[in-house]
Amino acid sequence: MKFLFLVLIILGCQRDQKISSCNVTDPFKNVKYVTSYDGDTITIDLPDIPNVFGDKIKVRVRHIDTPEIKGSTNCEKDMAQKAKAATTNLLKNADRIDLENVGRDKYFRLLADVIVYKKGVKLSVGEYLLSKKYAVPYEGDTKLKIDWCLNPR
């Protein structure tokens, strides 16, 4: 993680600047929302990072699993669309979006707690989706078989 942050700092500097004189903010604060693939995978742009490294970065929301867009049943696909809509709504209407506890997942996407701020209120996207039953707890191990039709929203 320290290496990734160092690379981001260096990339944020101008070619002939010394690292000590660079003015790079925390690249995981005030990120720009681009799109949602599903309820637990989003795309963001990182601030103050050159486009080639900081644009259209895939992020997996830490601690949750949501139904799959290409699920095996119509019910799962329907629930996936609802989870995606909930995530999209939170992120599109946020005053600010931060990534906390950032790492990499098994597919090399960023893995992070995605935090939104709206009118001064801080909300975890993962906790929100769990509370609305659009997600189940998940820590990166083998996924459990979930029957998303048992608890339709």
N, C-alpha and C. Protein backbone atom coordinates (compact mmCIF):
# COMPACT_ATOMS: atom_id res chain seq x y z
N MET A 1 0.82 -1.19 0.00
CA MET A 1 0.00 0.00 0.00
C MET A 1 0.87 1.25 0.00
N LYS A 2 1.94 1.24 0.81
CA LYS A 2 2.84 2.40 0.84
C LYS A 2 3.46 2.62 -0.53
N PHE A 3 3.80 1.52 -1.23
CA PHE A 3 4.38 1.64 -2.56
C PHE A 3 3.40 2.28 -3.52
N LEU A 4 2.13 1.87 -3.49
CA LEU A 4 1.12 2.45 -4.36
C LEU A 4 0.99 3.94 -4.11
N PHE A 5 0.96 4.34 -2.84
CA PHE A 5 0.83 5.75 -2.51
C PHE A 5 2.04 6.52 -3.00
N LEU A 6 3.26 5.96 -2.83
CA LEU A 6 4.47 6.62 -3.30
C LEU A 6 4.42 6.80 -4.82
N VAL A 7 3.98 5.78 -5.55
CA VAL A 7 3.85 5.89 -7.00
C VAL A 7 2.87 6.99 -7.36
N LEU A 8 1.74 7.05 -6.66
CA LEU A 8 0.75 8.09 -6.95
C LEU A 8 1.30 9.48 -6.68
N ILE A 9 2.09 9.64 -5.62
CA ILE A 9 2.70 10.94 -5.32
C ILE A 9 3.67 11.32 -6.43
N ILE A 10 4.52 10.39 -6.81
CA ILE A 10 5.51 10.68 -7.85
C ILE A 10 4.82 11.01 -9.17
N LEU A 11 3.80 10.27 -9.52
CA LEU A 11 3.09 10.53 -10.78
C LEU A 11 2.37 11.87 -10.76
N GLY A 12 2.01 12.35 -9.59
CA GLY A 12 1.34 13.64 -9.47
C GLY A 12 2.28 14.82 -9.60
N CYS A 13 3.58 14.59 -9.55
CA CYS A 13 4.57 15.65 -9.66
C CYS A 13 4.86 15.95 -11.13
N GLN A 14 5.26 17.18 -11.38
CA GLN A 14 5.72 17.52 -12.72
C GLN A 14 7.07 16.86 -12.94
N ARG A 15 7.43 16.63 -14.18
CA ARG A 15 8.63 15.87 -14.52
C ARG A 15 9.88 16.41 -13.82
N ASP A 16 10.04 17.73 -13.74
CA ASP A 16 11.27 18.29 -13.19
C ASP A 16 11.12 18.80 -11.76
N GLN A 17 10.02 18.48 -11.09
CA GLN A 17 9.83 18.88 -9.70
C GLN A 17 10.51 17.88 -8.77
N LYS A 18 11.00 18.39 -7.64
CA LYS A 18 11.47 17.52 -6.59
C LYS A 18 10.25 17.00 -5.84
N ILE A 19 10.32 15.79 -5.35
CA ILE A 19 9.20 15.20 -4.63
C ILE A 19 8.80 16.08 -3.45
N SER A 20 9.76 16.67 -2.76
CA SER A 20 9.45 17.48 -1.59
C SER A 20 8.66 18.74 -1.93
N SER A 21 8.67 19.17 -3.20
CA SER A 21 7.94 20.38 -3.58
C SER A 21 6.62 20.09 -4.28
N CYS A 22 6.25 18.82 -4.40
CA CYS A 22 4.99 18.47 -5.06
C CYS A 22 3.81 18.83 -4.18
N ASN A 23 2.72 19.22 -4.80
CA ASN A 23 1.49 19.56 -4.08
C ASN A 23 0.41 18.58 -4.48
N VAL A 24 0.48 17.38 -3.93
CA VAL A 24 -0.49 16.34 -4.25
C VAL A 24 -1.36 16.11 -3.02
N THR A 25 -2.67 16.19 -3.20
CA THR A 25 -3.58 15.90 -2.10
C THR A 25 -3.75 14.39 -1.98
N ASP A 26 -4.43 13.94 -0.96
CA ASP A 26 -4.70 12.52 -0.80
C ASP A 26 -5.52 12.05 -1.99
N PRO A 27 -4.99 11.12 -2.81
CA PRO A 27 -5.71 10.72 -4.03
C PRO A 27 -6.99 9.94 -3.78
N PHE A 28 -7.24 9.55 -2.53
CA PHE A 28 -8.43 8.77 -2.23
C PHE A 28 -9.51 9.61 -1.55
N LYS A 29 -9.30 10.91 -1.46
CA LYS A 29 -10.29 11.82 -0.90
C LYS A 29 -10.92 12.61 -2.05
N ASN A 30 -12.21 12.81 -1.96
CA ASN A 30 -12.95 13.59 -2.95
C ASN A 30 -12.76 13.02 -4.37
N VAL A 31 -12.92 11.70 -4.48
CA VAL A 31 -12.81 11.07 -5.79
C VAL A 31 -14.05 11.41 -6.61
N LYS A 32 -13.93 11.29 -7.92
CA LYS A 32 -15.05 11.61 -8.80
C LYS A 32 -15.73 10.31 -9.24
N TYR A 33 -17.01 10.22 -9.01
CA TYR A 33 -17.80 9.07 -9.43
C TYR A 33 -17.97 9.10 -10.95
N VAL A 34 -17.77 7.94 -11.59
CA VAL A 34 -17.97 7.82 -13.04
C VAL A 34 -19.20 6.98 -13.34
N THR A 35 -19.22 5.73 -12.85
CA THR A 35 -20.34 4.85 -13.13
C THR A 35 -20.36 3.67 -12.14
N SER A 36 -21.46 2.94 -12.15
CA SER A 36 -21.57 1.71 -11.36
C SER A 36 -21.75 0.54 -12.33
N TYR A 37 -21.00 -0.53 -12.11
CA TYR A 37 -21.24 -1.74 -12.89
C TYR A 37 -22.39 -2.52 -12.25
N ASP A 38 -22.32 -2.66 -10.94
CA ASP A 38 -23.38 -3.31 -10.17
C ASP A 38 -23.39 -2.68 -8.79
N GLY A 39 -23.94 -3.33 -7.80
CA GLY A 39 -24.03 -2.73 -6.47
C GLY A 39 -22.71 -2.61 -5.74
N ASP A 40 -21.75 -3.50 -6.04
CA ASP A 40 -20.49 -3.48 -5.29
C ASP A 40 -19.26 -3.18 -6.14
N THR A 41 -19.43 -2.80 -7.39
CA THR A 41 -18.30 -2.43 -8.24
C THR A 41 -18.61 -1.12 -8.94
N ILE A 42 -17.73 -0.13 -8.70
CA ILE A 42 -17.92 1.19 -9.29
C ILE A 42 -16.67 1.61 -10.04
N THR A 43 -16.78 2.68 -10.80
CA THR A 43 -15.64 3.27 -11.50
C THR A 43 -15.52 4.71 -11.04
N ILE A 44 -14.29 5.11 -10.72
CA ILE A 44 -14.03 6.47 -10.23
C ILE A 44 -12.82 7.06 -10.95
N ASP A 45 -12.67 8.37 -10.83
CA ASP A 45 -11.44 9.06 -11.23
C ASP A 45 -10.77 9.56 -9.96
N LEU A 46 -9.45 9.41 -9.88
CA LEU A 46 -8.68 9.89 -8.73
C LEU A 46 -8.23 11.32 -8.98
N PRO A 47 -8.37 12.20 -7.99
CA PRO A 47 -7.94 13.59 -8.17
C PRO A 47 -6.43 13.71 -8.20
N ASP A 48 -5.94 14.70 -8.93
CA ASP A 48 -4.52 15.06 -8.94
C ASP A 48 -3.59 13.96 -9.42
N ILE A 49 -4.12 12.99 -10.16
CA ILE A 49 -3.31 11.91 -10.72
C ILE A 49 -3.44 12.00 -12.23
N PRO A 50 -2.34 11.86 -12.97
CA PRO A 50 -2.45 11.92 -14.43
C PRO A 50 -3.50 10.92 -14.94
N ASN A 51 -4.23 11.33 -15.98
CA ASN A 51 -5.34 10.53 -16.52
C ASN A 51 -4.96 9.09 -16.81
N VAL A 52 -3.78 8.85 -17.32
CA VAL A 52 -3.39 7.50 -17.71
C VAL A 52 -3.38 6.55 -16.50
N PHE A 53 -3.19 7.09 -15.30
CA PHE A 53 -3.16 6.26 -14.09
C PHE A 53 -4.37 6.47 -13.19
N GLY A 54 -5.01 7.64 -13.27
CA GLY A 54 -6.03 7.97 -12.31
C GLY A 54 -7.46 7.98 -12.82
N ASP A 55 -7.66 7.79 -14.12
CA ASP A 55 -9.02 7.82 -14.66
C ASP A 55 -9.58 6.42 -14.86
N LYS A 56 -10.88 6.32 -14.63
CA LYS A 56 -11.64 5.08 -14.85
C LYS A 56 -11.03 3.90 -14.08
N ILE A 57 -10.87 4.11 -12.77
CA ILE A 57 -10.34 3.09 -11.88
C ILE A 57 -11.50 2.28 -11.31
N LYS A 58 -11.44 0.97 -11.43
CA LYS A 58 -12.46 0.08 -10.87
C LYS A 58 -12.24 -0.07 -9.37
N VAL A 59 -13.33 0.03 -8.61
CA VAL A 59 -13.27 -0.10 -7.16
C VAL A 59 -14.33 -1.09 -6.71
N ARG A 60 -13.93 -2.04 -5.90
CA ARG A 60 -14.86 -3.01 -5.29
C ARG A 60 -15.15 -2.53 -3.89
N VAL A 61 -16.42 -2.44 -3.53
CA VAL A 61 -16.82 -2.00 -2.19
C VAL A 61 -16.46 -3.11 -1.20
N ARG A 62 -15.69 -2.74 -0.18
CA ARG A 62 -15.18 -3.68 0.81
C ARG A 62 -16.31 -4.20 1.71
N HIS A 63 -16.21 -5.45 2.11
CA HIS A 63 -17.06 -6.10 3.11
C HIS A 63 -18.44 -6.54 2.62
N ILE A 64 -18.75 -6.41 1.33
CA ILE A 64 -20.09 -6.80 0.87
C ILE A 64 -20.03 -7.56 -0.45
N ASP A 65 -21.12 -8.27 -0.73
CA ASP A 65 -21.35 -8.87 -2.03
C ASP A 65 -22.79 -8.57 -2.41
N THR A 66 -23.01 -8.17 -3.63
CA THR A 66 -24.36 -7.89 -4.12
C THR A 66 -24.69 -8.87 -5.25
N PRO A 67 -25.95 -8.96 -5.62
CA PRO A 67 -26.33 -9.86 -6.71
C PRO A 67 -25.60 -9.50 -8.00
N GLU A 68 -25.43 -10.50 -8.85
CA GLU A 68 -24.69 -10.32 -10.10
C GLU A 68 -25.60 -9.85 -11.23
N ILE A 69 -25.14 -8.88 -11.98
CA ILE A 69 -25.88 -8.37 -13.15
C ILE A 69 -26.15 -9.51 -14.14
N LYS A 70 -25.17 -10.39 -14.29
CA LYS A 70 -25.32 -11.53 -15.21
C LYS A 70 -25.63 -12.80 -14.41
N GLY A 71 -26.50 -12.65 -13.41
CA GLY A 71 -26.86 -13.75 -12.52
C GLY A 71 -27.54 -14.90 -13.23
N SER A 72 -27.74 -15.97 -12.49
CA SER A 72 -28.30 -17.19 -13.08
C SER A 72 -29.82 -17.21 -13.11
N THR A 73 -30.46 -16.31 -12.36
CA THR A 73 -31.93 -16.27 -12.36
C THR A 73 -32.41 -14.85 -12.65
N ASN A 74 -33.64 -14.74 -13.11
CA ASN A 74 -34.22 -13.42 -13.35
C ASN A 74 -34.33 -12.63 -12.05
N CYS A 75 -34.63 -13.33 -10.95
CA CYS A 75 -34.73 -12.67 -9.66
C CYS A 75 -33.39 -12.04 -9.26
N GLU A 76 -32.30 -12.79 -9.43
CA GLU A 76 -30.98 -12.26 -9.09
C GLU A 76 -30.65 -11.06 -9.98
N LYS A 77 -30.95 -11.15 -11.26
CA LYS A 77 -30.69 -10.03 -12.17
C LYS A 77 -31.50 -8.80 -11.78
N ASP A 78 -32.75 -9.01 -11.37
CA ASP A 78 -33.60 -7.90 -10.94
C ASP A 78 -33.05 -7.26 -9.66
N MET A 79 -32.64 -8.10 -8.71
CA MET A 79 -32.05 -7.59 -7.46
C MET A 79 -30.73 -6.87 -7.74
N ALA A 80 -29.97 -7.36 -8.72
CA ALA A 80 -28.71 -6.70 -9.09
C ALA A 80 -28.98 -5.29 -9.62
N GLN A 81 -30.02 -5.15 -10.42
CA GLN A 81 -30.37 -3.82 -10.95
C GLN A 81 -30.79 -2.88 -9.81
N LYS A 82 -31.51 -3.41 -8.83
CA LYS A 82 -31.92 -2.59 -7.68
C LYS A 82 -30.72 -2.18 -6.83
N ALA A 83 -29.79 -3.10 -6.61
CA ALA A 83 -28.58 -2.78 -5.85
C ALA A 83 -27.75 -1.75 -6.60
N LYS A 84 -27.64 -1.92 -7.89
CA LYS A 84 -26.89 -0.96 -8.72
C LYS A 84 -27.54 0.42 -8.63
N ALA A 85 -28.87 0.48 -8.73
CA ALA A 85 -29.58 1.76 -8.66
C ALA A 85 -29.36 2.44 -7.30
N ALA A 86 -29.37 1.66 -6.22
CA ALA A 86 -29.15 2.22 -4.89
C ALA A 86 -27.73 2.80 -4.78
N THR A 87 -26.74 2.06 -5.27
CA THR A 87 -25.36 2.55 -5.25
C THR A 87 -25.21 3.79 -6.11
N THR A 88 -25.76 3.75 -7.31
CA THR A 88 -25.68 4.89 -8.22
C THR A 88 -26.32 6.13 -7.59
N ASN A 89 -27.49 5.96 -6.99
CA ASN A 89 -28.18 7.08 -6.37
C ASN A 89 -27.35 7.70 -5.24
N LEU A 90 -26.76 6.87 -4.39
CA LEU A 90 -25.91 7.38 -3.31
C LEU A 90 -24.74 8.19 -3.85
N LEU A 91 -24.06 7.63 -4.86
CA LEU A 91 -22.84 8.25 -5.35
C LEU A 91 -23.12 9.49 -6.21
N LYS A 92 -24.14 9.44 -7.02
CA LYS A 92 -24.48 10.60 -7.87
C LYS A 92 -24.90 11.80 -7.05
N ASN A 93 -25.52 11.56 -5.91
CA ASN A 93 -26.05 12.65 -5.09
C ASN A 93 -25.15 13.03 -3.92
N ALA A 94 -23.97 12.45 -3.85
CA ALA A 94 -23.05 12.76 -2.75
C ALA A 94 -22.40 14.12 -2.95
N ASP A 95 -22.17 14.80 -1.84
CA ASP A 95 -21.40 16.05 -1.89
C ASP A 95 -19.92 15.74 -2.03
N ARG A 96 -19.50 14.60 -1.47
CA ARG A 96 -18.10 14.17 -1.55
C ARG A 96 -18.05 12.66 -1.42
N ILE A 97 -17.07 12.04 -2.08
CA ILE A 97 -16.86 10.59 -1.99
C ILE A 97 -15.40 10.36 -1.62
N ASP A 98 -15.17 9.56 -0.59
CA ASP A 98 -13.82 9.18 -0.18
C ASP A 98 -13.68 7.67 -0.22
N LEU A 99 -12.46 7.21 -0.43
CA LEU A 99 -12.13 5.80 -0.31
C LEU A 99 -11.26 5.65 0.93
N GLU A 100 -11.66 4.74 1.82
CA GLU A 100 -10.89 4.48 3.03
C GLU A 100 -10.50 3.01 3.07
N ASN A 101 -9.44 2.70 3.82
CA ASN A 101 -9.01 1.32 3.99
C ASN A 101 -8.75 0.69 2.62
N VAL A 102 -7.96 1.36 1.80
CA VAL A 102 -7.76 0.98 0.40
C VAL A 102 -6.71 -0.12 0.27
N GLY A 103 -7.04 -1.11 -0.56
CA GLY A 103 -6.12 -2.19 -0.90
C GLY A 103 -6.45 -2.70 -2.29
N ARG A 104 -6.08 -3.94 -2.56
CA ARG A 104 -6.39 -4.58 -3.84
C ARG A 104 -7.18 -5.85 -3.58
N ASP A 105 -8.11 -6.18 -4.49
CA ASP A 105 -8.83 -7.44 -4.37
C ASP A 105 -8.15 -8.49 -5.23
N LYS A 106 -8.73 -9.69 -5.26
CA LYS A 106 -8.10 -10.80 -5.99
C LYS A 106 -8.07 -10.59 -7.50
N TYR A 107 -8.85 -9.64 -8.00
CA TYR A 107 -8.84 -9.32 -9.44
C TYR A 107 -8.08 -8.03 -9.72
N PHE A 108 -7.33 -7.55 -8.73
CA PHE A 108 -6.45 -6.38 -8.81
C PHE A 108 -7.21 -5.05 -8.92
N ARG A 109 -8.52 -5.07 -8.66
CA ARG A 109 -9.24 -3.80 -8.55
C ARG A 109 -8.89 -3.19 -7.20
N LEU A 110 -9.12 -1.88 -7.07
CA LEU A 110 -9.02 -1.30 -5.75
C LEU A 110 -10.15 -1.89 -4.90
N LEU A 111 -9.86 -2.13 -3.66
CA LEU A 111 -10.84 -2.63 -2.69
C LEU A 111 -10.87 -1.59 -1.58
N ALA A 112 -12.05 -1.03 -1.30
CA ALA A 112 -12.09 0.08 -0.35
C ALA A 112 -13.45 0.21 0.31
N ASP A 113 -13.42 0.82 1.49
CA ASP A 113 -14.66 1.30 2.09
C ASP A 113 -15.00 2.57 1.33
N VAL A 114 -16.15 2.59 0.68
CA VAL A 114 -16.57 3.75 -0.09
C VAL A 114 -17.48 4.57 0.82
N ILE A 115 -17.06 5.81 1.07
CA ILE A 115 -17.75 6.67 2.02
C ILE A 115 -18.32 7.87 1.27
N VAL A 116 -19.60 8.15 1.49
CA VAL A 116 -20.23 9.33 0.89
C VAL A 116 -20.58 10.32 1.99
N TYR A 117 -20.50 11.58 1.62
CA TYR A 117 -20.91 12.67 2.51
C TYR A 117 -22.02 13.44 1.81
N LYS A 118 -23.11 13.63 2.52
CA LYS A 118 -24.25 14.39 2.00
C LYS A 118 -24.74 15.29 3.12
N LYS A 119 -24.66 16.60 2.88
CA LYS A 119 -25.08 17.59 3.88
C LYS A 119 -24.41 17.33 5.23
N GLY A 120 -23.12 17.00 5.19
CA GLY A 120 -22.34 16.81 6.40
C GLY A 120 -22.49 15.44 7.06
N VAL A 121 -23.35 14.59 6.52
CA VAL A 121 -23.55 13.26 7.09
C VAL A 121 -22.67 12.26 6.34
N LYS A 122 -21.94 11.46 7.11
CA LYS A 122 -21.05 10.44 6.55
C LYS A 122 -21.78 9.11 6.51
N LEU A 123 -21.70 8.41 5.35
CA LEU A 123 -22.40 7.14 5.19
C LEU A 123 -21.52 6.17 4.40
N SER A 124 -21.39 4.96 4.91
CA SER A 124 -20.67 3.90 4.20
C SER A 124 -21.61 3.26 3.19
N VAL A 125 -21.18 3.18 1.94
CA VAL A 125 -22.00 2.55 0.90
C VAL A 125 -22.27 1.09 1.26
N GLY A 126 -21.25 0.38 1.72
CA GLY A 126 -21.42 -1.02 2.09
C GLY A 126 -22.43 -1.21 3.21
N GLU A 127 -22.33 -0.41 4.26
CA GLU A 127 -23.27 -0.53 5.37
C GLU A 127 -24.69 -0.19 4.93
N TYR A 128 -24.82 0.80 4.06
CA TYR A 128 -26.15 1.17 3.55
C TYR A 128 -26.77 0.01 2.78
N LEU A 129 -26.00 -0.60 1.87
CA LEU A 129 -26.52 -1.72 1.08
C LEU A 129 -26.87 -2.91 1.95
N LEU A 130 -26.08 -3.18 2.98
CA LEU A 130 -26.40 -4.26 3.92
C LEU A 130 -27.71 -3.95 4.65
N SER A 131 -27.87 -2.71 5.10
CA SER A 131 -29.07 -2.35 5.86
C SER A 131 -30.34 -2.45 5.03
N LYS A 132 -30.22 -2.24 3.72
CA LYS A 132 -31.37 -2.31 2.82
C LYS A 132 -31.55 -3.71 2.21
N LYS A 133 -30.69 -4.65 2.63
CA LYS A 133 -30.72 -6.04 2.15
C LYS A 133 -30.44 -6.18 0.65
N TYR A 134 -29.67 -5.23 0.12
CA TYR A 134 -29.20 -5.32 -1.26
C TYR A 134 -27.84 -6.04 -1.31
N ALA A 135 -27.28 -6.35 -0.15
CA ALA A 135 -25.96 -6.98 -0.06
C ALA A 135 -25.91 -7.93 1.12
N VAL A 136 -24.92 -8.83 1.06
CA VAL A 136 -24.62 -9.71 2.18
C VAL A 136 -23.16 -9.49 2.56
N PRO A 137 -22.78 -9.80 3.81
CA PRO A 137 -21.37 -9.65 4.21
C PRO A 137 -20.47 -10.55 3.36
N TYR A 138 -19.28 -10.03 3.02
CA TYR A 138 -18.35 -10.78 2.19
C TYR A 138 -16.94 -10.26 2.45
N GLU A 139 -15.99 -11.18 2.66
CA GLU A 139 -14.61 -10.79 2.94
C GLU A 139 -13.62 -11.35 1.93
N GLY A 140 -14.07 -11.69 0.73
CA GLY A 140 -13.15 -12.09 -0.32
C GLY A 140 -12.90 -13.58 -0.45
N ASP A 141 -13.48 -14.37 0.44
CA ASP A 141 -13.29 -15.81 0.34
C ASP A 141 -14.27 -16.39 -0.69
N THR A 142 -14.45 -17.66 -0.68
CA THR A 142 -15.39 -18.28 -1.62
C THR A 142 -16.79 -17.76 -1.35
N LYS A 143 -17.46 -17.33 -2.40
CA LYS A 143 -18.80 -16.79 -2.25
C LYS A 143 -19.79 -17.89 -1.90
N LEU A 144 -20.70 -17.55 -1.01
CA LEU A 144 -21.78 -18.47 -0.67
C LEU A 144 -22.85 -18.39 -1.74
N LYS A 145 -23.59 -19.47 -1.92
CA LYS A 145 -24.74 -19.44 -2.82
C LYS A 145 -25.86 -18.70 -2.11
N ILE A 146 -26.28 -17.61 -2.66
CA ILE A 146 -27.35 -16.79 -2.07
C ILE A 146 -28.58 -16.88 -2.97
N ASP A 147 -29.70 -17.15 -2.37
CA ASP A 147 -30.96 -17.12 -3.11
C ASP A 147 -31.56 -15.73 -2.93
N TRP A 148 -31.28 -14.84 -3.88
CA TRP A 148 -31.72 -13.46 -3.78
C TRP A 148 -33.25 -13.35 -3.90
N CYS A 149 -33.91 -14.41 -4.32
CA CYS A 149 -35.36 -14.39 -4.45
C CYS A 149 -36.08 -14.55 -3.11
N LEU A 150 -35.35 -15.02 -2.08
CA LEU A 150 -35.97 -15.22 -0.77
C LEU A 150 -36.35 -13.91 -0.10
N ASN A 151 -35.64 -12.86 -0.43
CA ASN A 151 -35.90 -11.57 0.23
C ASN A 151 -35.98 -10.48 -0.82
N PRO A 152 -37.00 -10.51 -1.68
CA PRO A 152 -37.08 -9.50 -2.73
C PRO A 152 -37.34 -8.12 -2.16
N ARG A 153 -36.77 -7.12 -2.79
CA ARG A 153 -36.92 -5.72 -2.36
C ARG A 153 -37.97 -5.06 -3.19
